[in-house]
Amino acid sequence: MGAQLRVYKRRIRSVTATKKITKAMEMIAASRVVKAMRKVSASTPYAQELTRAVTAVGSGSDVKHPLTTEAENPSRAAVLLLTSDRGLAGAFNANAIKAAEQLTARLEADGREIDVYVVGRRGLAHYNFRERTVAESWTGFTDEPSYADAKTVAGPLIEALEKDTEDGGVDELHIVYTEFVSMMTQTAVGSRLLPLRLDEVAKEEQPKDEVLPLYDFEPSAEDVLDALLPRYVESRIYNALLQSAASKHAATRRAMKSATDNAGELINTLSRLANAARQAEITQEISEIVGGASALADANAGSDN
């Protein structure tokens, strides 16, 4: 019985140490998610206004720019998947990877070849484990992405869009990331980033009852698009990176809180079992003492007779 009590006490110490770790990680994630939310709020208006500017240029001109004009028969597409470098975030990475797999399957069903670009070690490990080709990958900045990181990611994607498909280029760019809705809700979404759907974007971005002005382009609408569209891609990827980072921290906070709560419940259960074992041990010792005293009394009584 004493050995069982020692086992319970050892497990209680182990779970208590784990609880301290998960509580600390929960507090760290809570502080990081607040900072990430502020960055998302700061970057979103810029991305929206830049989208409106690109839409205005594209809608106000008849230039057939490769980044705003859909190919007649698209044959290749690039899919950018945003995951995290670290785990301990519940189903955060699994949901993003699942959304990317579904998007890839849908595009392949439409007859497109897919080039996969991955941000984050978790997504890269998923494709490497399955021995699937990744066109390019980036790691090491998913917790706190900067605009420079977004430019690094956007560069190869823009180059692929500007190339002909015969030379290894792509006709479309899709992005899969985790949208930050609230502290409790984060949703993996996939959307087409380029070519721009001007009608849909204008409908979403333009406020009600607002009339867009007419524009004169200097030196030309094509030059303006050449300058604006890379900024558009960078800003959209940057916003998606920030939303993924905020979602990851929120998911980590939620997962660590659940782990801390479970550890507390396990400690309570083990404490009850340890108390029961100690009580059983005390009861057994009392029974042995009483039995020994009774046997000794019977022995003394027999010797007196």
Protein backbone atom coordinates (compact mmCIF):
# COMPACT_ATOMS: atom_id res chain seq x y z
CA MET A 1 0.00 0.00 0.00
CA GLY A 2 2.91 2.37 0.76
CA ALA A 3 4.32 1.81 -2.73
CA GLN A 4 0.98 2.83 -4.29
CA LEU A 5 0.94 6.03 -2.24
CA ARG A 6 4.44 6.91 -3.44
CA VAL A 7 3.31 6.40 -7.05
CA TYR A 8 0.41 8.82 -6.57
CA LYS A 9 2.62 11.45 -4.95
CA ARG A 10 5.19 11.15 -7.74
CA ARG A 11 2.47 11.60 -10.38
CA ILE A 12 1.04 14.61 -8.54
CA ARG A 13 4.48 16.29 -8.55
CA SER A 14 4.90 15.56 -12.26
CA VAL A 15 1.46 16.91 -13.23
CA THR A 16 1.97 19.98 -11.03
CA ALA A 17 5.20 20.79 -12.86
CA THR A 18 3.42 20.36 -16.20
CA LYS A 19 0.60 22.63 -15.03
CA LYS A 20 3.08 25.39 -14.21
CA ILE A 21 4.54 25.15 -17.73
CA THR A 22 1.16 25.22 -19.51
CA LYS A 23 0.01 28.15 -17.36
CA ALA A 24 3.13 30.11 -18.27
CA MET A 25 2.64 29.33 -21.97
CA GLU A 26 -1.01 30.41 -21.72
CA MET A 27 0.02 33.79 -20.26
CA ILE A 28 2.71 34.30 -22.91
CA ALA A 29 0.26 33.50 -25.72
CA ALA A 30 -2.32 35.88 -24.21
CA SER A 31 0.17 38.75 -24.26
CA ARG A 32 1.29 37.98 -27.81
CA VAL A 33 -2.20 37.72 -29.23
CA VAL A 34 -3.00 41.25 -28.02
CA LYS A 35 0.03 42.64 -29.87
CA ALA A 36 -0.86 40.63 -32.98
CA MET A 37 -4.44 41.92 -32.92
CA ARG A 38 -3.18 45.51 -32.85
CA LYS A 39 -0.98 44.85 -35.89
CA VAL A 40 -3.91 43.28 -37.76
CA SER A 41 -6.09 46.31 -37.00
CA ALA A 42 -3.33 48.66 -38.15
CA SER A 43 -2.61 46.84 -41.44
CA THR A 44 -6.17 46.10 -42.57
CA PRO A 45 -7.17 49.69 -43.57
CA TYR A 46 -3.99 50.06 -45.65
CA ALA A 47 -4.64 46.78 -47.46
CA GLN A 48 -8.25 47.75 -48.12
CA GLU A 49 -7.38 51.19 -49.49
CA LEU A 50 -4.65 49.77 -51.67
CA THR A 51 -7.12 47.22 -53.02
CA ARG A 52 -9.53 50.03 -53.86
CA ALA A 53 -6.78 51.93 -55.64
CA VAL A 54 -5.81 48.91 -57.73
CA THR A 55 -9.47 48.26 -58.49
CA ALA A 56 -9.97 51.86 -59.58
CA VAL A 57 -6.99 51.70 -61.93
CA GLY A 58 -8.04 48.34 -63.35
CA SER A 59 -11.68 49.36 -63.77
CA GLY A 60 -10.91 52.82 -65.14
CA SER A 61 -8.66 51.62 -67.94
CA ASP A 62 -8.84 49.15 -70.78
CA VAL A 63 -5.31 47.86 -70.29
CA LYS A 64 -4.94 44.08 -70.46
CA HIS A 65 -2.51 43.71 -67.62
CA PRO A 66 -1.38 40.14 -66.83
CA LEU A 67 -2.14 40.59 -63.13
CA THR A 68 -5.71 41.75 -63.67
CA THR A 69 -6.63 39.79 -66.79
CA GLU A 70 -7.67 36.17 -66.48
CA ALA A 71 -6.14 33.65 -68.85
CA GLU A 72 -8.54 32.12 -71.34
CA ASN A 73 -7.51 28.59 -70.46
CA PRO A 74 -5.59 28.66 -67.15
CA SER A 75 -3.37 25.61 -66.81
CA ARG A 76 -1.16 26.31 -63.76
CA ALA A 77 -1.87 27.84 -60.37
CA ALA A 78 0.18 28.68 -57.30
CA VAL A 79 -1.16 27.98 -53.80
CA LEU A 80 0.44 29.80 -50.87
CA LEU A 81 -0.17 28.03 -47.55
CA LEU A 82 0.42 29.88 -44.27
CA THR A 83 1.10 27.72 -41.20
CA SER A 84 3.17 28.22 -38.03
CA ASP A 85 6.70 27.26 -37.09
CA ARG A 86 5.60 25.83 -33.73
CA GLY A 87 2.88 23.50 -32.56
CA LEU A 88 0.92 23.40 -29.30
CA ALA A 89 -1.93 25.26 -31.00
CA GLY A 90 -4.67 22.66 -31.17
CA ALA A 91 -6.03 22.14 -34.69
CA PHE A 92 -4.65 25.45 -36.04
CA ASN A 93 -2.17 23.95 -38.50
CA ALA A 94 -4.29 20.91 -39.30
CA ASN A 95 -7.23 23.09 -40.36
CA ALA A 96 -5.05 25.29 -42.59
CA ILE A 97 -3.45 22.27 -44.24
CA LYS A 98 -6.85 20.66 -44.74
CA ALA A 99 -8.17 23.82 -46.41
CA ALA A 100 -5.11 23.88 -48.70
CA GLU A 101 -5.60 20.22 -49.63
CA GLN A 102 -9.25 20.86 -50.47
CA LEU A 103 -8.37 23.90 -52.59
CA THR A 104 -5.62 21.99 -54.38
CA ALA A 105 -7.97 19.10 -55.12
CA ARG A 106 -10.58 21.49 -56.51
CA LEU A 107 -8.07 23.24 -58.76
CA GLU A 108 -6.66 19.93 -60.00
CA ALA A 109 -10.19 18.77 -60.77
CA ASP A 110 -10.50 21.87 -63.00
CA GLY A 111 -7.42 20.76 -64.94
CA ARG A 112 -4.76 22.98 -63.36
CA GLU A 113 -1.25 21.96 -62.31
CA ILE A 114 -0.42 23.19 -58.82
CA ASP A 115 2.77 24.77 -57.47
CA VAL A 116 2.70 24.82 -53.67
CA TYR A 117 4.44 27.55 -51.67
CA VAL A 118 4.57 27.08 -47.89
CA VAL A 119 5.20 29.41 -44.96
CA GLY A 120 5.93 27.73 -41.61
CA ARG A 121 7.74 24.57 -40.50
CA ARG A 122 4.51 22.68 -39.75
CA GLY A 123 3.21 22.97 -43.28
CA LEU A 124 6.62 22.19 -44.74
CA ALA A 125 6.91 19.08 -42.55
CA HIS A 126 3.49 17.93 -43.77
CA TYR A 127 4.55 18.02 -47.42
CA ASN A 128 8.04 16.64 -46.79
CA PHE A 129 6.65 13.70 -44.83
CA ARG A 130 4.42 12.82 -47.78
CA GLU A 131 7.32 13.40 -50.23
CA ARG A 132 5.38 16.04 -52.13
CA THR A 133 7.13 18.80 -54.04
CA VAL A 134 7.16 22.31 -52.61
CA ALA A 135 8.12 25.09 -55.02
CA GLU A 136 9.50 27.31 -52.25
CA SER A 137 9.20 27.63 -48.49
CA TRP A 138 9.91 30.17 -45.76
CA THR A 139 10.29 29.61 -42.01
CA GLY A 140 11.36 31.38 -38.85
CA PHE A 141 9.08 34.42 -38.72
CA THR A 142 5.52 33.18 -38.33
CA ASP A 143 5.13 34.29 -34.69
CA GLU A 144 5.98 37.93 -35.43
CA PRO A 145 5.99 38.56 -39.21
CA SER A 146 7.21 41.86 -40.61
CA TYR A 147 6.50 43.64 -43.88
CA ALA A 148 9.98 42.64 -45.06
CA ASP A 149 8.96 39.00 -44.61
CA ALA A 150 5.85 39.61 -46.71
CA LYS A 151 8.00 41.13 -49.47
CA THR A 152 10.30 38.11 -49.36
CA VAL A 153 7.33 35.78 -49.80
CA ALA A 154 5.64 37.91 -52.48
CA GLY A 155 8.73 38.22 -54.71
CA PRO A 156 8.85 34.68 -56.15
CA LEU A 157 5.05 34.60 -56.48
CA ILE A 158 4.95 37.78 -58.56
CA GLU A 159 7.80 36.49 -60.72
CA ALA A 160 5.87 33.25 -61.33
CA LEU A 161 2.78 35.24 -62.35
CA GLU A 162 4.76 37.36 -64.81
CA LYS A 163 6.24 34.29 -66.54
CA ASP A 164 4.55 32.25 -69.23
CA THR A 165 3.31 28.85 -68.14
CA GLU A 166 5.67 27.24 -70.64
CA ASP A 167 8.58 28.80 -68.74
CA GLY A 168 7.37 27.62 -65.33
CA GLY A 169 5.01 30.49 -64.63
CA VAL A 170 1.45 30.33 -63.27
CA ASP A 171 -1.88 31.83 -64.32
CA GLU A 172 -3.39 32.22 -60.85
CA LEU A 173 -2.31 32.84 -57.26
CA HIS A 174 -4.35 31.45 -54.37
CA ILE A 175 -3.68 31.91 -50.66
CA VAL A 176 -4.75 29.78 -47.69
CA TYR A 177 -4.47 31.25 -44.21
CA THR A 178 -6.31 31.35 -40.89
CA GLU A 179 -8.58 34.36 -40.56
CA PHE A 180 -8.75 35.89 -37.08
CA VAL A 181 -12.43 36.42 -36.25
CA SER A 182 -12.27 36.65 -32.47
CA MET A 183 -10.36 35.23 -29.51
CA MET A 184 -12.56 32.14 -29.67
CA THR A 185 -13.02 31.81 -33.43
CA GLN A 186 -10.33 31.41 -36.10
CA THR A 187 -11.28 30.11 -39.54
CA ALA A 188 -9.04 28.61 -42.22
CA VAL A 189 -9.94 30.27 -45.53
CA GLY A 190 -8.75 29.98 -49.11
CA SER A 191 -9.17 32.69 -51.74
CA ARG A 192 -7.81 33.74 -55.10
CA LEU A 193 -5.41 36.64 -54.76
CA LEU A 194 -4.59 37.16 -58.44
CA PRO A 195 -5.70 37.80 -61.11
CA LEU A 196 -7.93 40.35 -59.44
CA ARG A 197 -11.68 39.93 -59.87
CA LEU A 198 -12.33 43.63 -60.37
CA ASP A 199 -16.13 43.47 -60.28
CA GLU A 200 -16.23 41.45 -57.06
CA VAL A 201 -13.55 43.51 -55.32
CA ALA A 202 -15.18 46.79 -56.30
CA LYS A 203 -18.51 45.57 -54.94
CA GLU A 204 -16.94 44.50 -51.64
CA GLU A 205 -14.65 47.49 -51.09
CA GLN A 206 -16.75 50.39 -52.36
CA PRO A 207 -18.98 51.99 -49.71
CA LYS A 208 -22.65 52.35 -50.49
CA ASP A 209 -23.74 55.38 -52.55
CA GLU A 210 -20.12 56.29 -53.34
CA VAL A 211 -19.24 57.20 -56.90
CA LEU A 212 -15.68 56.51 -57.95
CA PRO A 213 -13.93 59.44 -59.64
CA LEU A 214 -12.49 59.37 -63.13
CA TYR A 215 -8.72 59.05 -63.39
CA ASP A 216 -6.05 60.25 -65.79
CA PHE A 217 -2.98 58.02 -65.74
CA GLU A 218 0.54 59.38 -66.04
CA PRO A 219 2.62 58.04 -67.69
CA SER A 220 0.16 55.19 -68.46
CA ALA A 221 -2.33 52.88 -66.76
CA GLU A 222 -0.04 49.92 -67.39
CA ASP A 223 2.87 51.61 -65.60
CA VAL A 224 0.59 52.47 -62.69
CA LEU A 225 -0.53 48.84 -62.47
CA ASP A 226 3.07 47.66 -62.63
CA ALA A 227 3.81 49.83 -59.59
CA LEU A 228 0.62 49.16 -57.61
CA LEU A 229 0.08 45.44 -57.99
CA PRO A 230 3.30 44.26 -56.30
CA ARG A 231 2.37 46.50 -53.36
CA TYR A 232 -1.09 45.00 -53.41
CA VAL A 233 0.28 41.44 -53.25
CA GLU A 234 2.72 42.35 -50.48
CA SER A 235 0.06 44.09 -48.39
CA ARG A 236 -2.40 41.23 -48.75
CA ILE A 237 0.21 38.62 -47.83
CA TYR A 238 1.36 40.77 -44.89
CA ASN A 239 -2.21 41.08 -43.61
CA ALA A 240 -2.70 37.31 -44.00
CA LEU A 241 0.56 36.64 -42.11
CA LEU A 242 -0.58 38.89 -39.26
CA GLN A 243 -3.99 37.26 -39.10
CA SER A 244 -2.39 33.80 -39.07
CA ALA A 245 -0.03 34.88 -36.28
CA ALA A 246 -2.91 36.27 -34.19
CA SER A 247 -4.94 33.12 -34.83
CA LYS A 248 -2.03 30.91 -33.83
CA HIS A 249 -1.48 32.75 -30.55
CA ALA A 250 -5.20 32.62 -29.77
CA ALA A 251 -5.26 28.89 -30.53
CA THR A 252 -2.19 28.34 -28.33
CA ARG A 253 -3.78 30.28 -25.48
CA ARG A 254 -6.95 28.21 -25.76
CA ALA A 255 -5.03 24.91 -25.96
CA MET A 256 -2.80 25.77 -23.00
CA LYS A 257 -5.78 26.87 -20.90
CA SER A 258 -7.46 23.55 -21.63
CA ALA A 259 -4.25 21.70 -20.70
CA THR A 260 -3.95 23.68 -17.46
CA ASP A 261 -7.57 22.94 -16.54
CA ASN A 262 -7.12 19.24 -17.31
CA ALA A 263 -3.96 19.15 -15.21
CA GLY A 264 -5.85 20.69 -12.29
CA GLU A 265 -8.60 18.09 -12.57
CA LEU A 266 -6.02 15.29 -12.75
CA ILE A 267 -4.26 16.62 -9.65
CA ASN A 268 -7.57 16.62 -7.77
CA THR A 269 -8.28 13.05 -8.87
CA LEU A 270 -4.81 11.84 -7.91
CA SER A 271 -5.08 13.66 -4.54
CA ARG A 272 -8.31 11.82 -3.76
CA LEU A 273 -6.73 8.51 -4.71
CA ALA A 274 -3.66 9.30 -2.59
CA ASN A 275 -5.85 10.22 0.37
CA ALA A 276 -7.80 6.99 -0.03
CA ALA A 277 -4.56 4.99 -0.22
CA ARG A 278 -3.16 6.72 2.86
CA GLN A 279 -6.42 6.11 4.76
CA ALA A 280 -6.37 2.45 3.75
CA GLU A 281 -2.76 2.23 4.91
CA ILE A 282 -3.61 3.81 8.28
CA THR A 283 -6.61 1.51 8.68
CA GLN A 284 -4.45 -1.52 7.93
CA GLU A 285 -1.81 -0.43 10.44
CA ILE A 286 -4.48 0.12 13.12
CA SER A 287 -5.95 -3.30 12.37
CA GLU A 288 -2.49 -4.89 12.65
CA ILE A 289 -1.85 -3.11 15.99
CA VAL A 290 -5.25 -4.12 17.37
CA GLY A 291 -4.77 -7.66 16.15
CA GLY A 292 -1.31 -7.83 17.66
CA ALA A 293 -2.51 -6.43 21.00
CA SER A 294 -5.40 -8.89 21.05
CA ALA A 295 -3.07 -11.80 20.32
CA LEU A 296 -0.66 -10.66 23.01
CA ALA A 297 -3.52 -10.35 25.55
CA ASP A 298 -4.74 -13.85 24.68
CA ALA A 299 -1.18 -15.17 25.08
CA ASN A 300 -0.78 -13.52 28.47
CA ALA A 301 -4.16 -14.85 29.62
CA GLY A 302 -3.17 -18.40 28.60
CA SER A 303 0.15 -18.20 30.47
CA ASP A 304 -1.62 -17.01 33.66
CA ASN A 305 -3.90 -20.04 33.55
